Amino acid sequence: MITLADDLGHLAYTVTGEGSPVLLVHAGVTDHQLWDRVAPALAERHTVIRYDLRGFGESARPAGPYRDTDDLRRLLDHLGHQRADLVGTSWGGRIALGFAHDHPERVRSLTMLAAHWPGYDWSAELVAYDEAETAALAAGDPEAAVSVNLDMWLRGPSRSWAEVAPDLAERLRGPVRTSLVHQDARGEHSQGVHPVDLATVTVPTLVGIGLLDVADYQQISRRYAAGIPGARLVEFPTAAHLIPLDAPAELLAALLPFLAGA
């Protein structure tokens, strides 16, 4: 990873491949490794930029006010890219949407995979997950909190662990643990994302939904697809919340033609 440093802290990022730039924004329980199964194929046709959000992976813990969309802009500026295709998962999808709304001239296309919806009226299932994570951390048991997150976001509500690729949980434990360690600092310093009027989003948009994901996020993805003019909805029957891990081949089959035609 290469480090971009300034007086606000630093972001860690990596760049591979050649061609039009594609910037990948990870989910809120992972880091840049979320994209390991799709980045090599994308890099055969594109310049692929992956980075760790503040407090995730190898990027610094936030120490003052920041906004993730501003960090995204700074990274593009640093790398000298005026426009890029943005692909984001979960919270990363919401960051990508916010940037596309605020800076449409800098976004060639937008892909949102199980994107987050701030202020959503969460189901009892999601409330119970949040309470279980909070209780584990309050009890000084971070490994239990990691397991709570793996159950919700990797396994999902619709399958057993026997149905999940056996290596994925161990690959995610470290990134999830890091995200939990810096969770309070992000909560203290993050300025969130600006509200978005979906009807004003003008860039070509692809919305992905994992049919094994928690119902809240399936509903959110359908709401995004219905609200963004011209958005295309793609369903991934074998994926829970983390589509790039669960269905990399299917994601590439949808994503590569979309990027080529955007």
Protein backbone atom coordinates (compact mmCIF):
# COMPACT_ATOMS: atom_id res chain seq x y z
CA MET A 1 0.00 0.00 0.00
CA ILE A 2 1.09 3.59 -0.71
CA THR A 3 0.34 6.33 1.78
CA LEU A 4 -1.17 9.71 0.95
CA ALA A 5 -0.33 12.04 3.84
CA ASP A 6 -1.40 15.56 4.72
CA ASP A 7 -2.23 17.58 7.79
CA LEU A 8 -5.52 15.70 8.25
CA GLY A 9 -3.97 12.28 8.56
CA HIS A 10 -3.41 9.74 5.82
CA LEU A 11 -5.11 7.30 3.52
CA ALA A 12 -3.57 4.03 2.36
CA TYR A 13 -4.25 3.06 -1.24
CA THR A 14 -3.08 0.82 -4.07
CA VAL A 15 -3.25 1.24 -7.86
CA THR A 16 -3.08 -1.57 -10.42
CA GLY A 17 -3.70 -1.93 -14.14
CA GLU A 18 -4.02 0.59 -16.96
CA GLY A 19 -6.97 2.26 -18.63
CA SER A 20 -9.84 4.42 -17.49
CA PRO A 21 -9.85 4.73 -13.68
CA VAL A 22 -12.20 2.70 -11.48
CA LEU A 23 -12.23 3.62 -7.80
CA LEU A 24 -13.46 0.94 -5.37
CA VAL A 25 -14.90 1.97 -1.97
CA HIS A 26 -15.17 -0.79 0.61
CA ALA A 27 -17.93 -1.60 3.10
CA GLY A 28 -17.93 -0.41 6.71
CA VAL A 29 -16.80 -3.74 8.17
CA THR A 30 -13.99 -4.46 5.70
CA ASP A 31 -11.06 -2.73 4.00
CA HIS A 32 -9.53 -2.69 0.50
CA GLN A 33 -9.22 -6.50 0.60
CA LEU A 34 -12.97 -6.71 -0.01
CA TRP A 35 -12.11 -6.34 -3.69
CA ASP A 36 -9.41 -9.03 -3.91
CA ARG A 37 -11.62 -11.35 -5.98
CA VAL A 38 -12.60 -8.75 -8.59
CA ALA A 39 -9.69 -6.29 -8.78
CA PRO A 40 -7.37 -8.44 -10.96
CA ALA A 41 -9.99 -8.88 -13.70
CA LEU A 42 -10.90 -5.17 -13.57
CA ALA A 43 -7.20 -4.28 -13.84
CA GLU A 44 -6.98 -6.05 -17.21
CA ARG A 45 -9.02 -3.17 -18.67
CA HIS A 46 -8.87 -0.34 -16.14
CA THR A 47 -6.68 1.53 -13.70
CA VAL A 48 -8.04 0.10 -10.44
CA ILE A 49 -7.77 2.25 -7.32
CA ARG A 50 -8.46 0.68 -3.93
CA TYR A 51 -8.08 2.49 -0.64
CA ASP A 52 -8.85 2.14 3.05
CA LEU A 53 -11.27 4.64 4.56
CA ARG A 54 -10.07 6.43 7.68
CA GLY A 55 -9.89 4.05 10.61
CA PHE A 56 -9.96 0.97 8.38
CA GLY A 57 -7.18 -1.29 7.15
CA GLU A 58 -3.88 0.58 6.93
CA SER A 59 -5.34 4.10 6.94
CA ALA A 60 -4.95 6.33 9.99
CA ARG A 61 -7.48 6.60 12.77
CA PRO A 62 -9.31 9.93 12.39
CA ALA A 63 -8.08 12.60 14.79
CA GLY A 64 -10.27 15.52 13.70
CA PRO A 65 -13.35 16.39 11.65
CA TYR A 66 -13.47 14.79 8.19
CA ARG A 67 -15.90 13.76 5.50
CA ASP A 68 -15.40 10.57 3.47
CA THR A 69 -16.49 12.24 0.24
CA ASP A 70 -13.78 14.87 0.71
CA ASP A 71 -11.19 12.14 1.18
CA LEU A 72 -12.38 10.53 -2.06
CA ARG A 73 -11.93 13.83 -3.90
CA ARG A 74 -8.47 14.33 -2.40
CA LEU A 75 -7.42 10.87 -3.54
CA LEU A 76 -8.59 11.47 -7.12
CA ASP A 77 -6.81 14.83 -7.13
CA HIS A 78 -3.63 13.27 -5.77
CA LEU A 79 -3.65 10.63 -8.50
CA GLY A 80 -4.44 13.16 -11.22
CA HIS A 81 -7.78 11.72 -12.31
CA GLN A 82 -10.46 14.21 -13.29
CA ARG A 83 -13.14 11.53 -13.70
CA ALA A 84 -13.58 7.94 -12.56
CA ASP A 85 -16.07 5.12 -12.39
CA LEU A 86 -17.07 4.65 -8.74
CA VAL A 87 -17.98 1.27 -7.25
CA GLY A 88 -18.99 1.11 -3.59
CA THR A 89 -20.35 -1.51 -1.21
CA SER A 90 -22.60 -0.76 1.79
CA TRP A 91 -21.27 2.42 3.46
CA GLY A 92 -18.86 2.68 0.52
CA GLY A 93 -21.84 2.74 -1.82
CA ARG A 94 -23.35 5.64 0.12
CA ILE A 95 -20.04 7.52 -0.05
CA ALA A 96 -19.88 6.95 -3.81
CA LEU A 97 -23.47 8.18 -4.20
CA GLY A 98 -22.76 11.28 -2.15
CA PHE A 99 -19.71 12.09 -4.25
CA ALA A 100 -21.59 11.50 -7.51
CA HIS A 101 -24.35 13.82 -6.33
CA ASP A 102 -21.95 16.56 -5.22
CA HIS A 103 -19.46 16.21 -8.09
CA PRO A 104 -21.24 14.68 -11.12
CA GLU A 105 -18.64 16.14 -13.47
CA ARG A 106 -16.04 13.88 -11.86
CA VAL A 107 -18.02 10.62 -12.04
CA ARG A 108 -18.28 8.59 -15.22
CA SER A 109 -20.57 5.97 -13.65
CA LEU A 110 -21.81 4.85 -10.25
CA THR A 111 -22.22 1.29 -8.96
CA MET A 112 -23.85 0.80 -5.56
CA LEU A 113 -23.76 -2.68 -4.01
CA ALA A 114 -26.03 -3.17 -0.97
CA ALA A 115 -25.58 0.54 -0.31
CA HIS A 116 -26.30 2.08 3.08
CA TRP A 117 -29.22 4.47 3.72
CA PRO A 118 -28.53 6.90 6.60
CA GLY A 119 -31.47 7.25 8.97
CA TYR A 120 -33.30 4.19 7.64
CA ASP A 121 -36.04 2.78 9.91
CA TRP A 122 -34.15 -0.41 10.72
CA SER A 123 -35.91 -3.70 11.41
CA ALA A 124 -35.87 -5.50 14.75
CA GLU A 125 -33.24 -7.82 13.27
CA LEU A 126 -30.80 -4.96 12.62
CA VAL A 127 -31.54 -3.37 15.99
CA ALA A 128 -30.78 -6.70 17.70
CA TYR A 129 -27.49 -6.96 15.78
CA ASP A 130 -26.47 -3.47 16.91
CA GLU A 131 -27.37 -4.25 20.51
CA ALA A 132 -25.39 -7.50 20.43
CA GLU A 133 -22.30 -5.76 19.07
CA THR A 134 -22.60 -2.97 21.65
CA ALA A 135 -23.00 -5.48 24.50
CA ALA A 136 -19.94 -7.48 23.39
CA LEU A 137 -17.76 -4.38 23.22
CA ALA A 138 -19.05 -3.11 26.58
CA ALA A 139 -18.17 -6.48 28.10
CA GLY A 140 -14.60 -6.19 26.80
CA ASP A 141 -15.05 -9.06 24.35
CA PRO A 142 -14.03 -7.74 20.92
CA GLU A 143 -13.87 -11.24 19.44
CA ALA A 144 -17.54 -11.75 20.24
CA ALA A 145 -18.27 -8.44 18.51
CA VAL A 146 -16.31 -9.64 15.47
CA SER A 147 -18.38 -12.83 15.38
CA VAL A 148 -21.62 -10.83 15.60
CA ASN A 149 -20.54 -8.86 12.52
CA LEU A 150 -19.45 -11.93 10.59
CA ASP A 151 -22.80 -13.58 11.29
CA MET A 152 -24.74 -10.57 10.03
CA TRP A 153 -22.68 -9.31 7.10
CA LEU A 154 -20.86 -12.38 5.78
CA ARG A 155 -23.12 -15.34 6.60
CA GLY A 156 -26.35 -13.35 6.51
CA PRO A 157 -29.77 -14.40 7.77
CA SER A 158 -30.57 -16.94 5.07
CA ARG A 159 -27.79 -19.54 5.17
CA SER A 160 -25.60 -21.63 7.45
CA TRP A 161 -21.85 -21.29 7.79
CA ALA A 162 -21.53 -24.54 5.82
CA GLU A 163 -22.82 -22.61 2.80
CA VAL A 164 -20.15 -19.88 3.06
CA ALA A 165 -16.74 -20.29 1.39
CA PRO A 166 -14.56 -21.64 4.24
CA ASP A 167 -11.73 -19.10 3.95
CA LEU A 168 -13.82 -15.93 3.96
CA ALA A 169 -14.50 -15.65 7.70
CA GLU A 170 -10.81 -15.86 8.60
CA ARG A 171 -9.90 -13.35 5.90
CA LEU A 172 -12.44 -10.89 7.29
CA ARG A 173 -11.66 -11.22 10.99
CA GLY A 174 -8.71 -8.83 10.92
CA PRO A 175 -10.45 -6.08 8.93
CA VAL A 176 -13.59 -6.34 11.09
CA ARG A 177 -11.51 -6.17 14.27
CA THR A 178 -9.70 -3.05 13.03
CA SER A 179 -12.99 -1.39 12.10
CA LEU A 180 -14.31 -1.99 15.62
CA VAL A 181 -11.16 -0.65 17.29
CA HIS A 182 -11.57 2.71 15.53
CA GLN A 183 -15.35 2.83 15.55
CA ASP A 184 -15.62 5.42 18.34
CA ALA A 185 -13.10 7.76 16.69
CA ARG A 186 -15.00 7.65 13.43
CA GLY A 187 -18.25 8.30 15.24
CA GLU A 188 -16.73 11.29 17.02
CA HIS A 189 -15.09 12.94 14.01
CA SER A 190 -17.01 11.88 10.89
CA GLN A 191 -19.25 14.57 9.43
CA GLY A 192 -21.25 11.96 7.54
CA VAL A 193 -22.44 12.53 3.99
CA HIS A 194 -24.62 15.23 2.53
CA PRO A 195 -28.32 14.42 1.93
CA VAL A 196 -29.04 13.32 -1.64
CA ASP A 197 -32.12 13.98 -3.74
CA LEU A 198 -32.11 10.77 -5.77
CA ALA A 199 -34.10 12.36 -8.60
CA THR A 200 -31.18 14.72 -9.27
CA VAL A 201 -28.53 11.99 -9.71
CA THR A 202 -27.47 12.26 -13.35
CA VAL A 203 -24.67 9.71 -13.78
CA PRO A 204 -25.27 6.20 -15.18
CA THR A 205 -26.05 4.01 -12.17
CA LEU A 206 -26.00 0.28 -11.44
CA VAL A 207 -27.56 -0.97 -8.19
CA GLY A 208 -26.67 -4.44 -6.89
CA ILE A 209 -28.68 -6.47 -4.39
CA GLY A 210 -27.74 -9.74 -2.67
CA LEU A 211 -30.80 -11.94 -2.34
CA LEU A 212 -29.31 -13.60 0.77
CA ASP A 213 -28.77 -10.22 2.45
CA VAL A 214 -30.83 -8.97 5.38
CA ALA A 215 -34.24 -7.74 4.21
CA ASP A 216 -33.51 -4.10 5.13
CA TYR A 217 -30.72 -3.84 2.57
CA GLN A 218 -32.72 -5.58 -0.11
CA GLN A 219 -35.45 -2.99 0.40
CA ILE A 220 -32.92 -0.15 0.41
CA SER A 221 -31.36 -1.30 -2.86
CA ARG A 222 -34.76 -1.45 -4.53
CA ARG A 223 -35.51 2.04 -3.23
CA TYR A 224 -32.28 3.37 -4.69
CA ALA A 225 -32.93 1.69 -8.04
CA ALA A 226 -36.45 3.11 -8.18
CA GLY A 227 -35.41 6.61 -7.14
CA ILE A 228 -32.32 7.23 -9.32
CA PRO A 229 -33.32 8.09 -12.91
CA GLY A 230 -32.38 5.33 -15.33
CA ALA A 231 -30.75 3.14 -12.67
CA ARG A 232 -30.39 -0.54 -13.46
CA LEU A 233 -31.01 -3.14 -10.72
CA VAL A 234 -29.04 -6.40 -10.72
CA GLU A 235 -29.85 -9.26 -8.34
CA PHE A 236 -27.22 -11.68 -7.06
CA PRO A 237 -28.99 -14.85 -5.85
CA THR A 238 -25.92 -16.39 -4.15
CA ALA A 239 -24.76 -13.25 -2.33
CA ALA A 240 -25.45 -11.87 1.12
CA HIS A 241 -24.30 -8.36 2.04
CA LEU A 242 -20.72 -8.50 0.73
CA ILE A 243 -21.36 -9.15 -2.95
CA PRO A 244 -17.69 -8.83 -4.11
CA LEU A 245 -16.79 -11.74 -1.80
CA ASP A 246 -19.81 -13.95 -2.37
CA ALA A 247 -20.34 -13.56 -6.10
CA PRO A 248 -17.19 -12.18 -7.77
CA ALA A 249 -17.77 -13.82 -11.16
CA GLU A 250 -21.40 -12.71 -11.31
CA LEU A 251 -20.42 -9.18 -10.24
CA LEU A 252 -17.78 -8.95 -12.96
CA ALA A 253 -20.28 -10.24 -15.53
CA ALA A 254 -22.56 -7.31 -14.66
CA LEU A 255 -19.93 -4.69 -13.97
CA LEU A 256 -17.56 -4.97 -16.93
CA PRO A 257 -20.21 -4.38 -19.65
CA PHE A 258 -21.71 -1.56 -17.57
CA LEU A 259 -18.34 0.18 -17.27
CA ALA A 260 -17.69 -0.26 -20.97
CA GLY A 261 -21.04 1.27 -21.90
CA ALA A 262 -21.23 4.05 -19.34
